[in-house]
Amino acid sequence: MPGEWVTVAVRERIEALMLRGLLAAAGLPVRLLGEALGNIYGLNTGPLGLVQVQVPAEAAGQAREILAAGFQEEAGHER
């Protein structure tokens, strides 16, 4: 069981779900905080629709590297 969880990204619900999939595909445990609020109240955008993407503290560095690499690849496709 992981101990402390840390936030590696804060995004709107749809993007948070994609990031969760990206991190899970890399084998990292990941959870979303705030997702239920958006589902209950229909908040998908704006400050109240934000979701925290969290991983265990010991995996935070690896998660941030994966997310950074993913965003670099995305930026490269837009050129």
PDB file of N, CA and C in Angstrom:
ATOM      1  N   MET A   1       0.835  -1.187   0.000  1.00  0.00           N
ATOM      2  CA  MET A   1       0.000   0.000   0.000  1.00  0.00           C
ATOM      3  C   MET A   1       0.874   1.242   0.000  1.00  0.00           C
ATOM      4  N   PRO A   2       0.561   2.173  -0.874  1.00  0.00           N
ATOM      5  CA  PRO A   2       1.315   3.417  -0.868  1.00  0.00           C
ATOM      6  C   PRO A   2       1.037   4.214   0.395  1.00  0.00           C
ATOM      7  N   GLY A   3       1.992   5.026   0.784  1.00  0.00           N
ATOM      8  CA  GLY A   3       1.823   5.883   1.951  1.00  0.00           C
ATOM      9  C   GLY A   3       1.213   7.208   1.553  1.00  0.00           C
ATOM     10  N   GLU A   4       2.017   8.243   1.564  1.00  0.00           N
ATOM     11  CA  GLU A   4       1.556   9.590   1.234  1.00  0.00           C
ATOM     12  C   GLU A   4       1.353   9.742  -0.270  1.00  0.00           C
ATOM     13  N   TRP A   5       0.273  10.397  -0.658  1.00  0.00           N
ATOM     14  CA  TRP A   5      -0.005  10.693  -2.065  1.00  0.00           C
ATOM     15  C   TRP A   5       0.281  12.167  -2.314  1.00  0.00           C
ATOM     16  N   VAL A   6       0.818  12.488  -3.488  1.00  0.00           N
ATOM     17  CA  VAL A   6       1.105  13.873  -3.852  1.00  0.00           C
ATOM     18  C   VAL A   6       0.434  14.203  -5.179  1.00  0.00           C
ATOM     19  N   THR A   7       0.104  15.461  -5.341  1.00  0.00           N
ATOM     20  CA  THR A   7      -0.533  15.934  -6.564  1.00  0.00           C
ATOM     21  C   THR A   7       0.542  16.251  -7.595  1.00  0.00           C
ATOM     22  N   VAL A   8       0.415  15.657  -8.786  1.00  0.00           N
ATOM     23  CA  VAL A   8       1.375  15.916  -9.864  1.00  0.00           C
ATOM     24  C   VAL A   8       0.769  16.761 -10.974  1.00  0.00           C
ATOM     25  N   ALA A   9      -0.553  16.934 -10.948  1.00  0.00           N
ATOM     26  CA  ALA A   9      -1.227  17.778 -11.944  1.00  0.00           C
ATOM     27  C   ALA A   9      -2.611  18.133 -11.434  1.00  0.00           C
ATOM     28  N   VAL A  10      -3.103  19.280 -11.862  1.00  0.00           N
ATOM     29  CA  VAL A  10      -4.471  19.698 -11.580  1.00  0.00           C
ATOM     30  C   VAL A  10      -5.055  20.119 -12.923  1.00  0.00           C
ATOM     31  N   ARG A  11      -6.061  19.393 -13.354  1.00  0.00           N
ATOM     32  CA  ARG A  11      -6.638  19.617 -14.678  1.00  0.00           C
ATOM     33  C   ARG A  11      -8.150  19.501 -14.626  1.00  0.00           C
ATOM     34  N   GLU A  12      -8.800  19.917 -15.718  1.00  0.00           N
ATOM     35  CA  GLU A  12     -10.228  19.680 -15.855  1.00  0.00           C
ATOM     36  C   GLU A  12     -10.440  18.182 -15.987  1.00  0.00           C
ATOM     37  N   ARG A  13     -11.640  17.712 -15.702  1.00  0.00           N
ATOM     38  CA  ARG A  13     -11.946  16.286 -15.561  1.00  0.00           C
ATOM     39  C   ARG A  13     -11.487  15.432 -16.746  1.00  0.00           C
ATOM     40  N   ILE A  14     -11.805  15.841 -17.953  1.00  0.00           N
ATOM     41  CA  ILE A  14     -11.471  15.029 -19.129  1.00  0.00           C
ATOM     42  C   ILE A  14      -9.964  14.848 -19.255  1.00  0.00           C
ATOM     43  N   GLU A  15      -9.217  15.928 -19.101  1.00  0.00           N
ATOM     44  CA  GLU A  15      -7.758  15.827 -19.196  1.00  0.00           C
ATOM     45  C   GLU A  15      -7.194  15.013 -18.037  1.00  0.00           C
ATOM     46  N   ALA A  16      -7.762  15.161 -16.844  1.00  0.00           N
ATOM     47  CA  ALA A  16      -7.310  14.373 -15.696  1.00  0.00           C
ATOM     48  C   ALA A  16      -7.504  12.889 -15.951  1.00  0.00           C
ATOM     49  N   LEU A  17      -8.612  12.521 -16.590  1.00  0.00           N
ATOM     50  CA  LEU A  17      -8.844  11.117 -16.925  1.00  0.00           C
ATOM     51  C   LEU A  17      -7.793  10.603 -17.903  1.00  0.00           C
ATOM     52  N   MET A  18      -7.421  11.435 -18.866  1.00  0.00           N
ATOM     53  CA  MET A  18      -6.382  11.032 -19.822  1.00  0.00           C
ATOM     54  C   MET A  18      -5.030  10.878 -19.132  1.00  0.00           C
ATOM     55  N   LEU A  19      -4.717  11.800 -18.229  1.00  0.00           N
ATOM     56  CA  LEU A  19      -3.446  11.704 -17.506  1.00  0.00           C
ATOM     57  C   LEU A  19      -3.422  10.467 -16.619  1.00  0.00           C
ATOM     58  N   ARG A  20      -4.555  10.161 -15.995  1.00  0.00           N
ATOM     59  CA  ARG A  20      -4.637   8.941 -15.180  1.00  0.00           C
ATOM     60  C   ARG A  20      -4.335   7.722 -16.041  1.00  0.00           C
ATOM     61  N   GLY A  21      -4.891   7.662 -17.235  1.00  0.00           N
ATOM     62  CA  GLY A  21      -4.633   6.544 -18.136  1.00  0.00           C
ATOM     63  C   GLY A  21      -3.171   6.466 -18.544  1.00  0.00           C
ATOM     64  N   LEU A  22      -2.566   7.607 -18.814  1.00  0.00           N
ATOM     65  CA  LEU A  22      -1.154   7.648 -19.202  1.00  0.00           C
ATOM     66  C   LEU A  22      -0.262   7.124 -18.085  1.00  0.00           C
ATOM     67  N   LEU A  23      -0.515   7.571 -16.864  1.00  0.00           N
ATOM     68  CA  LEU A  23       0.294   7.136 -15.724  1.00  0.00           C
ATOM     69  C   LEU A  23       0.034   5.668 -15.382  1.00  0.00           C
ATOM     70  N   ALA A  24      -1.211   5.249 -15.456  1.00  0.00           N
ATOM     71  CA  ALA A  24      -1.541   3.848 -15.168  1.00  0.00           C
ATOM     72  C   ALA A  24      -0.909   2.928 -16.204  1.00  0.00           C
ATOM     73  N   ALA A  25      -0.864   3.357 -17.453  1.00  0.00           N
ATOM     74  CA  ALA A  25      -0.234   2.551 -18.506  1.00  0.00           C
ATOM     75  C   ALA A  25       1.256   2.371 -18.252  1.00  0.00           C
ATOM     76  N   ALA A  26       1.856   3.323 -17.541  1.00  0.00           N
ATOM     77  CA  ALA A  26       3.275   3.223 -17.181  1.00  0.00           C
ATOM     78  C   ALA A  26       3.469   2.392 -15.914  1.00  0.00           C
ATOM     79  N   GLY A  27       2.373   1.880 -15.352  1.00  0.00           N
ATOM     80  CA  GLY A  27       2.459   1.017 -14.183  1.00  0.00           C
ATOM     81  C   GLY A  27       2.425   1.744 -12.848  1.00  0.00           C
ATOM     82  N   LEU A  28       2.075   3.020 -12.857  1.00  0.00           N
ATOM     83  CA  LEU A  28       2.042   3.777 -11.611  1.00  0.00           C
ATOM     84  C   LEU A  28       0.648   3.742 -10.987  1.00  0.00           C
ATOM     85  N   PRO A  29       0.575   3.611  -9.662  1.00  0.00           N
ATOM     86  CA  PRO A  29      -0.715   3.766  -8.994  1.00  0.00           C
ATOM     87  C   PRO A  29      -1.122   5.238  -9.119  1.00  0.00           C
ATOM     88  N   VAL A  30      -2.366   5.491  -9.402  1.00  0.00           N
ATOM     89  CA  VAL A  30      -2.821   6.868  -9.583  1.00  0.00           C
ATOM     90  C   VAL A  30      -4.264   6.993  -9.092  1.00  0.00           C
ATOM     91  N   ARG A  31      -4.582   8.154  -8.525  1.00  0.00           N
ATOM     92  CA  ARG A  31      -5.959   8.405  -8.111  1.00  0.00           C
ATOM     93  C   ARG A  31      -6.313   9.848  -8.457  1.00  0.00           C
ATOM     94  N   LEU A  32      -7.601  10.087  -8.576  1.00  0.00           N
ATOM     95  CA  LEU A  32      -8.107  11.422  -8.874  1.00  0.00           C
ATOM     96  C   LEU A  32      -8.894  11.932  -7.682  1.00  0.00           C
ATOM     97  N   LEU A  33      -8.634  13.166  -7.277  1.00  0.00           N
ATOM     98  CA  LEU A  33      -9.388  13.812  -6.196  1.00  0.00           C
ATOM     99  C   LEU A  33     -10.202  14.954  -6.785  1.00  0.00           C
ATOM    100  N   GLY A  34     -11.456  15.012  -6.407  1.00  0.00           N
ATOM    101  CA  GLY A  34     -12.328  16.067  -6.893  1.00  0.00           C
ATOM    102  C   GLY A  34     -13.214  15.613  -8.031  1.00  0.00           C
ATOM    103  N   GLU A  35     -12.987  14.413  -8.531  1.00  0.00           N
ATOM    104  CA  GLU A  35     -13.756  13.912  -9.669  1.00  0.00           C
ATOM    105  C   GLU A  35     -15.230  13.746  -9.316  1.00  0.00           C
ATOM    106  N   ALA A  36     -15.522  13.270  -8.118  1.00  0.00           N
ATOM    107  CA  ALA A  36     -16.907  13.040  -7.714  1.00  0.00           C
ATOM    108  C   ALA A  36     -17.700  14.340  -7.682  1.00  0.00           C
ATOM    109  N   LEU A  37     -17.087  15.421  -7.247  1.00  0.00           N
ATOM    110  CA  LEU A  37     -17.764  16.714  -7.200  1.00  0.00           C
ATOM    111  C   LEU A  37     -18.244  17.117  -8.587  1.00  0.00           C
ATOM    112  N   GLY A  38     -17.397  16.937  -9.578  1.00  0.00           N
ATOM    113  CA  GLY A  38     -17.780  17.270 -10.946  1.00  0.00           C
ATOM    114  C   GLY A  38     -18.920  16.406 -11.441  1.00  0.00           C
ATOM    115  N   ASN A  39     -18.897  15.122 -11.099  1.00  0.00           N
ATOM    116  CA  ASN A  39     -19.967  14.225 -11.520  1.00  0.00           C
ATOM    117  C   ASN A  39     -21.291  14.573 -10.858  1.00  0.00           C
ATOM    118  N   ILE A  40     -21.254  14.894  -9.578  1.00  0.00           N
ATOM    119  CA  ILE A  40     -22.481  15.183  -8.836  1.00  0.00           C
ATOM    120  C   ILE A  40     -23.120  16.483  -9.315  1.00  0.00           C
ATOM    121  N   TYR A  41     -22.312  17.519  -9.450  1.00  0.00           N
ATOM    122  CA  TYR A  41     -22.845  18.835  -9.771  1.00  0.00           C
ATOM    123  C   TYR A  41     -22.717  19.208 -11.244  1.00  0.00           C
ATOM    124  N   GLY A  42     -22.178  18.320 -12.063  1.00  0.00           N
ATOM    125  CA  GLY A  42     -22.033  18.616 -13.484  1.00  0.00           C
ATOM    126  C   GLY A  42     -21.004  19.695 -13.778  1.00  0.00           C
ATOM    127  N   LEU A  43     -19.995  19.791 -12.923  1.00  0.00           N
ATOM    128  CA  LEU A  43     -18.947  20.789 -13.105  1.00  0.00           C
ATOM    129  C   LEU A  43     -17.790  20.154 -13.865  1.00  0.00           C
ATOM    130  N   ASN A  44     -17.626  20.552 -15.114  1.00  0.00           N
ATOM    131  CA  ASN A  44     -16.552  19.978 -15.922  1.00  0.00           C
ATOM    132  C   ASN A  44     -15.503  20.997 -16.307  1.00  0.00           C
ATOM    133  N   THR A  45     -15.806  22.269 -16.110  1.00  0.00           N
ATOM    134  CA  THR A  45     -14.848  23.314 -16.454  1.00  0.00           C
ATOM    135  C   THR A  45     -14.781  24.334 -15.333  1.00  0.00           C
ATOM    136  N   GLY A  46     -13.779  25.161 -15.389  1.00  0.00           N
ATOM    137  CA  GLY A  46     -13.624  26.204 -14.388  1.00  0.00           C
ATOM    138  C   GLY A  46     -13.031  25.670 -13.097  1.00  0.00           C
ATOM    139  N   PRO A  47     -12.793  26.548 -12.151  1.00  0.00           N
ATOM    140  CA  PRO A  47     -12.132  26.171 -10.906  1.00  0.00           C
ATOM    141  C   PRO A  47     -12.837  25.064 -10.133  1.00  0.00           C
ATOM    142  N   LEU A  48     -14.156  25.040 -10.145  1.00  0.00           N
ATOM    143  CA  LEU A  48     -14.871  24.012  -9.392  1.00  0.00           C
ATOM    144  C   LEU A  48     -14.881  22.665 -10.112  1.00  0.00           C
ATOM    145  N   GLY A  49     -14.452  22.640 -11.364  1.00  0.00           N
ATOM    146  CA  GLY A  49     -14.406  21.394 -12.103  1.00  0.00           C
ATOM    147  C   GLY A  49     -13.016  20.782 -12.163  1.00  0.00           C
ATOM    148  N   LEU A  50     -12.081  21.349 -11.418  1.00  0.00           N
ATOM    149  CA  LEU A  50     -10.702  20.854 -11.459  1.00  0.00           C
ATOM    150  C   LEU A  50     -10.548  19.579 -10.640  1.00  0.00           C
ATOM    151  N   VAL A  51      -9.684  18.709 -11.133  1.00  0.00           N
ATOM    152  CA  VAL A  51      -9.419  17.416 -10.516  1.00  0.00           C
ATOM    153  C   VAL A  51      -7.919  17.311 -10.260  1.00  0.00           C
ATOM    154  N   GLN A  52      -7.554  16.819  -9.084  1.00  0.00           N
ATOM    155  CA  GLN A  52      -6.140  16.594  -8.755  1.00  0.00           C
ATOM    156  C   GLN A  52      -5.747  15.185  -9.181  1.00  0.00           C
ATOM    157  N   VAL A  53      -4.643  15.074  -9.916  1.00  0.00           N
ATOM    158  CA  VAL A  53      -4.084  13.781 -10.291  1.00  0.00           C
ATOM    159  C   VAL A  53      -2.987  13.491  -9.273  1.00  0.00           C
ATOM    160  N   GLN A  54      -3.137  12.389  -8.533  1.00  0.00           N
ATOM    161  CA  GLN A  54      -2.193  12.073  -7.467  1.00  0.00           C
ATOM    162  C   GLN A  54      -1.551  10.709  -7.664  1.00  0.00           C
ATOM    163  N   VAL A  55      -0.303  10.620  -7.215  1.00  0.00           N
ATOM    164  CA  VAL A  55       0.454   9.365  -7.209  1.00  0.00           C
ATOM    165  C   VAL A  55       1.135   9.250  -5.845  1.00  0.00           C
ATOM    166  N   PRO A  56       1.583   8.046  -5.478  1.00  0.00           N
ATOM    167  CA  PRO A  56       2.354   7.924  -4.235  1.00  0.00           C
ATOM    168  C   PRO A  56       3.602   8.807  -4.292  1.00  0.00           C
ATOM    169  N   ALA A  57       3.998   9.348  -3.156  1.00  0.00           N
ATOM    170  CA  ALA A  57       5.127  10.281  -3.100  1.00  0.00           C
ATOM    171  C   ALA A  57       6.385   9.708  -3.743  1.00  0.00           C
ATOM    172  N   GLU A  58       6.627   8.416  -3.543  1.00  0.00           N
ATOM    173  CA  GLU A  58       7.847   7.821  -4.105  1.00  0.00           C
ATOM    174  C   GLU A  58       7.813   7.710  -5.623  1.00  0.00           C
ATOM    175  N   ALA A  59       6.644   7.865  -6.244  1.00  0.00           N
ATOM    176  CA  ALA A  59       6.522   7.779  -7.699  1.00  0.00           C
ATOM    177  C   ALA A  59       6.355   9.151  -8.343  1.00  0.00           C
ATOM    178  N   ALA A  60       6.366  10.215  -7.547  1.00  0.00           N
ATOM    179  CA  ALA A  60       6.093  11.555  -8.070  1.00  0.00           C
ATOM    180  C   ALA A  60       7.087  11.993  -9.135  1.00  0.00           C
ATOM    181  N   GLY A  61       8.367  11.747  -8.912  1.00  0.00           N
ATOM    182  CA  GLY A  61       9.376  12.143  -9.899  1.00  0.00           C
ATOM    183  C   GLY A  61       9.159  11.454 -11.231  1.00  0.00           C
ATOM    184  N   GLN A  62       8.918  10.165 -11.196  1.00  0.00           N
ATOM    185  CA  GLN A  62       8.683   9.404 -12.422  1.00  0.00           C
ATOM    186  C   GLN A  62       7.402   9.891 -13.107  1.00  0.00           C
ATOM    187  N   ALA A  63       6.370  10.157 -12.331  1.00  0.00           N
ATOM    188  CA  ALA A  63       5.102  10.638 -12.903  1.00  0.00           C
ATOM    189  C   ALA A  63       5.296  11.974 -13.598  1.00  0.00           C
ATOM    190  N   ARG A  64       6.031  12.877 -12.969  1.00  0.00           N
ATOM    191  CA  ARG A  64       6.267  14.198 -13.572  1.00  0.00           C
ATOM    192  C   ARG A  64       7.074  14.072 -14.867  1.00  0.00           C
ATOM    193  N   GLU A  65       8.024  13.157 -14.901  1.00  0.00           N
ATOM    194  CA  GLU A  65       8.794  12.928 -16.127  1.00  0.00           C
ATOM    195  C   GLU A  65       7.886  12.413 -17.242  1.00  0.00           C
ATOM    196  N   ILE A  66       7.009  11.477 -16.923  1.00  0.00           N
ATOM    197  CA  ILE A  66       6.086  10.916 -17.909  1.00  0.00           C
ATOM    198  C   ILE A  66       5.162  12.008 -18.435  1.00  0.00           C
ATOM    199  N   LEU A  67       4.625  12.822 -17.534  1.00  0.00           N
ATOM    200  CA  LEU A  67       3.726  13.892 -17.955  1.00  0.00           C
ATOM    201  C   LEU A  67       4.460  14.923 -18.804  1.00  0.00           C
ATOM    202  N   ALA A  68       5.670  15.280 -18.427  1.00  0.00           N
ATOM    203  CA  ALA A  68       6.449  16.243 -19.204  1.00  0.00           C
ATOM    204  C   ALA A  68       6.746  15.698 -20.595  1.00  0.00           C
ATOM    205  N   ALA A  69       7.107  14.434 -20.679  1.00  0.00           N
ATOM    206  CA  ALA A  69       7.395  13.820 -21.979  1.00  0.00           C
ATOM    207  C   ALA A  69       6.137  13.770 -22.835  1.00  0.00           C
ATOM    208  N   GLY A  70       5.008  13.485 -22.218  1.00  0.00           N
ATOM    209  CA  GLY A  70       3.747  13.440 -22.955  1.00  0.00           C
ATOM    210  C   GLY A  70       3.388  14.791 -23.538  1.00  0.00           C
ATOM    211  N   PHE A  71       3.600  15.862 -22.778  1.00  0.00           N
ATOM    212  CA  PHE A  71       3.286  17.195 -23.269  1.00  0.00           C
ATOM    213  C   PHE A  71       4.276  17.636 -24.337  1.00  0.00           C
ATOM    214  N   GLN A  72       5.530  17.205 -24.263  1.00  0.00           N
ATOM    215  CA  GLN A  72       6.509  17.532 -25.294  1.00  0.00           C
ATOM    216  C   GLN A  72       6.132  16.847 -26.601  1.00  0.00           C
ATOM    217  N   GLU A  73       5.696  15.589 -26.531  1.00  0.00           N
ATOM    218  CA  GLU A  73       5.272  14.875 -27.722  1.00  0.00           C
ATOM    219  C   GLU A  73       4.064  15.551 -28.340  1.00  0.00           C
ATOM    220  N   GLU A  74       3.109  15.956 -27.511  1.00  0.00           N
ATOM    221  CA  GLU A  74       1.901  16.624 -27.998  1.00  0.00           C
ATOM    222  C   GLU A  74       2.265  17.920 -28.701  1.00  0.00           C
ATOM    223  N   ALA A  75       3.163  18.696 -28.139  1.00  0.00           N
ATOM    224  CA  ALA A  75       3.582  19.949 -28.748  1.00  0.00           C
ATOM    225  C   ALA A  75       4.289  19.691 -30.078  1.00  0.00           C
ATOM    226  N   GLY A  76       5.028  18.607 -30.167  1.00  0.00           N
ATOM    227  CA  GLY A  76       5.722  18.271 -31.405  1.00  0.00           C
ATOM    228  C   GLY A  76       4.789  17.916 -32.545  1.00  0.00           C
ATOM    229  N   HIS A  77       3.625  17.355 -32.237  1.00  0.00           N
ATOM    230  CA  HIS A  77       2.657  16.983 -33.264  1.00  0.00           C
ATOM    231  C   HIS A  77       1.936  18.190 -33.847  1.00  0.00           C
ATOM    232  N   GLU A  78       1.914  19.297 -33.146  1.00  0.00           N
ATOM    233  CA  GLU A  78       1.211  20.480 -33.614  1.00  0.00           C
ATOM    234  C   GLU A  78       2.005  21.273 -34.622  1.00  0.00           C
ATOM    235  N   ARG A  79       3.247  20.965 -34.755  1.00  0.00           N
ATOM    236  CA  ARG A  79       4.100  21.755 -35.663  1.00  0.00           C
ATOM    237  C   ARG A  79       3.813  21.494 -37.098  1.00  0.00           C
TER     238      ARG A  79
END
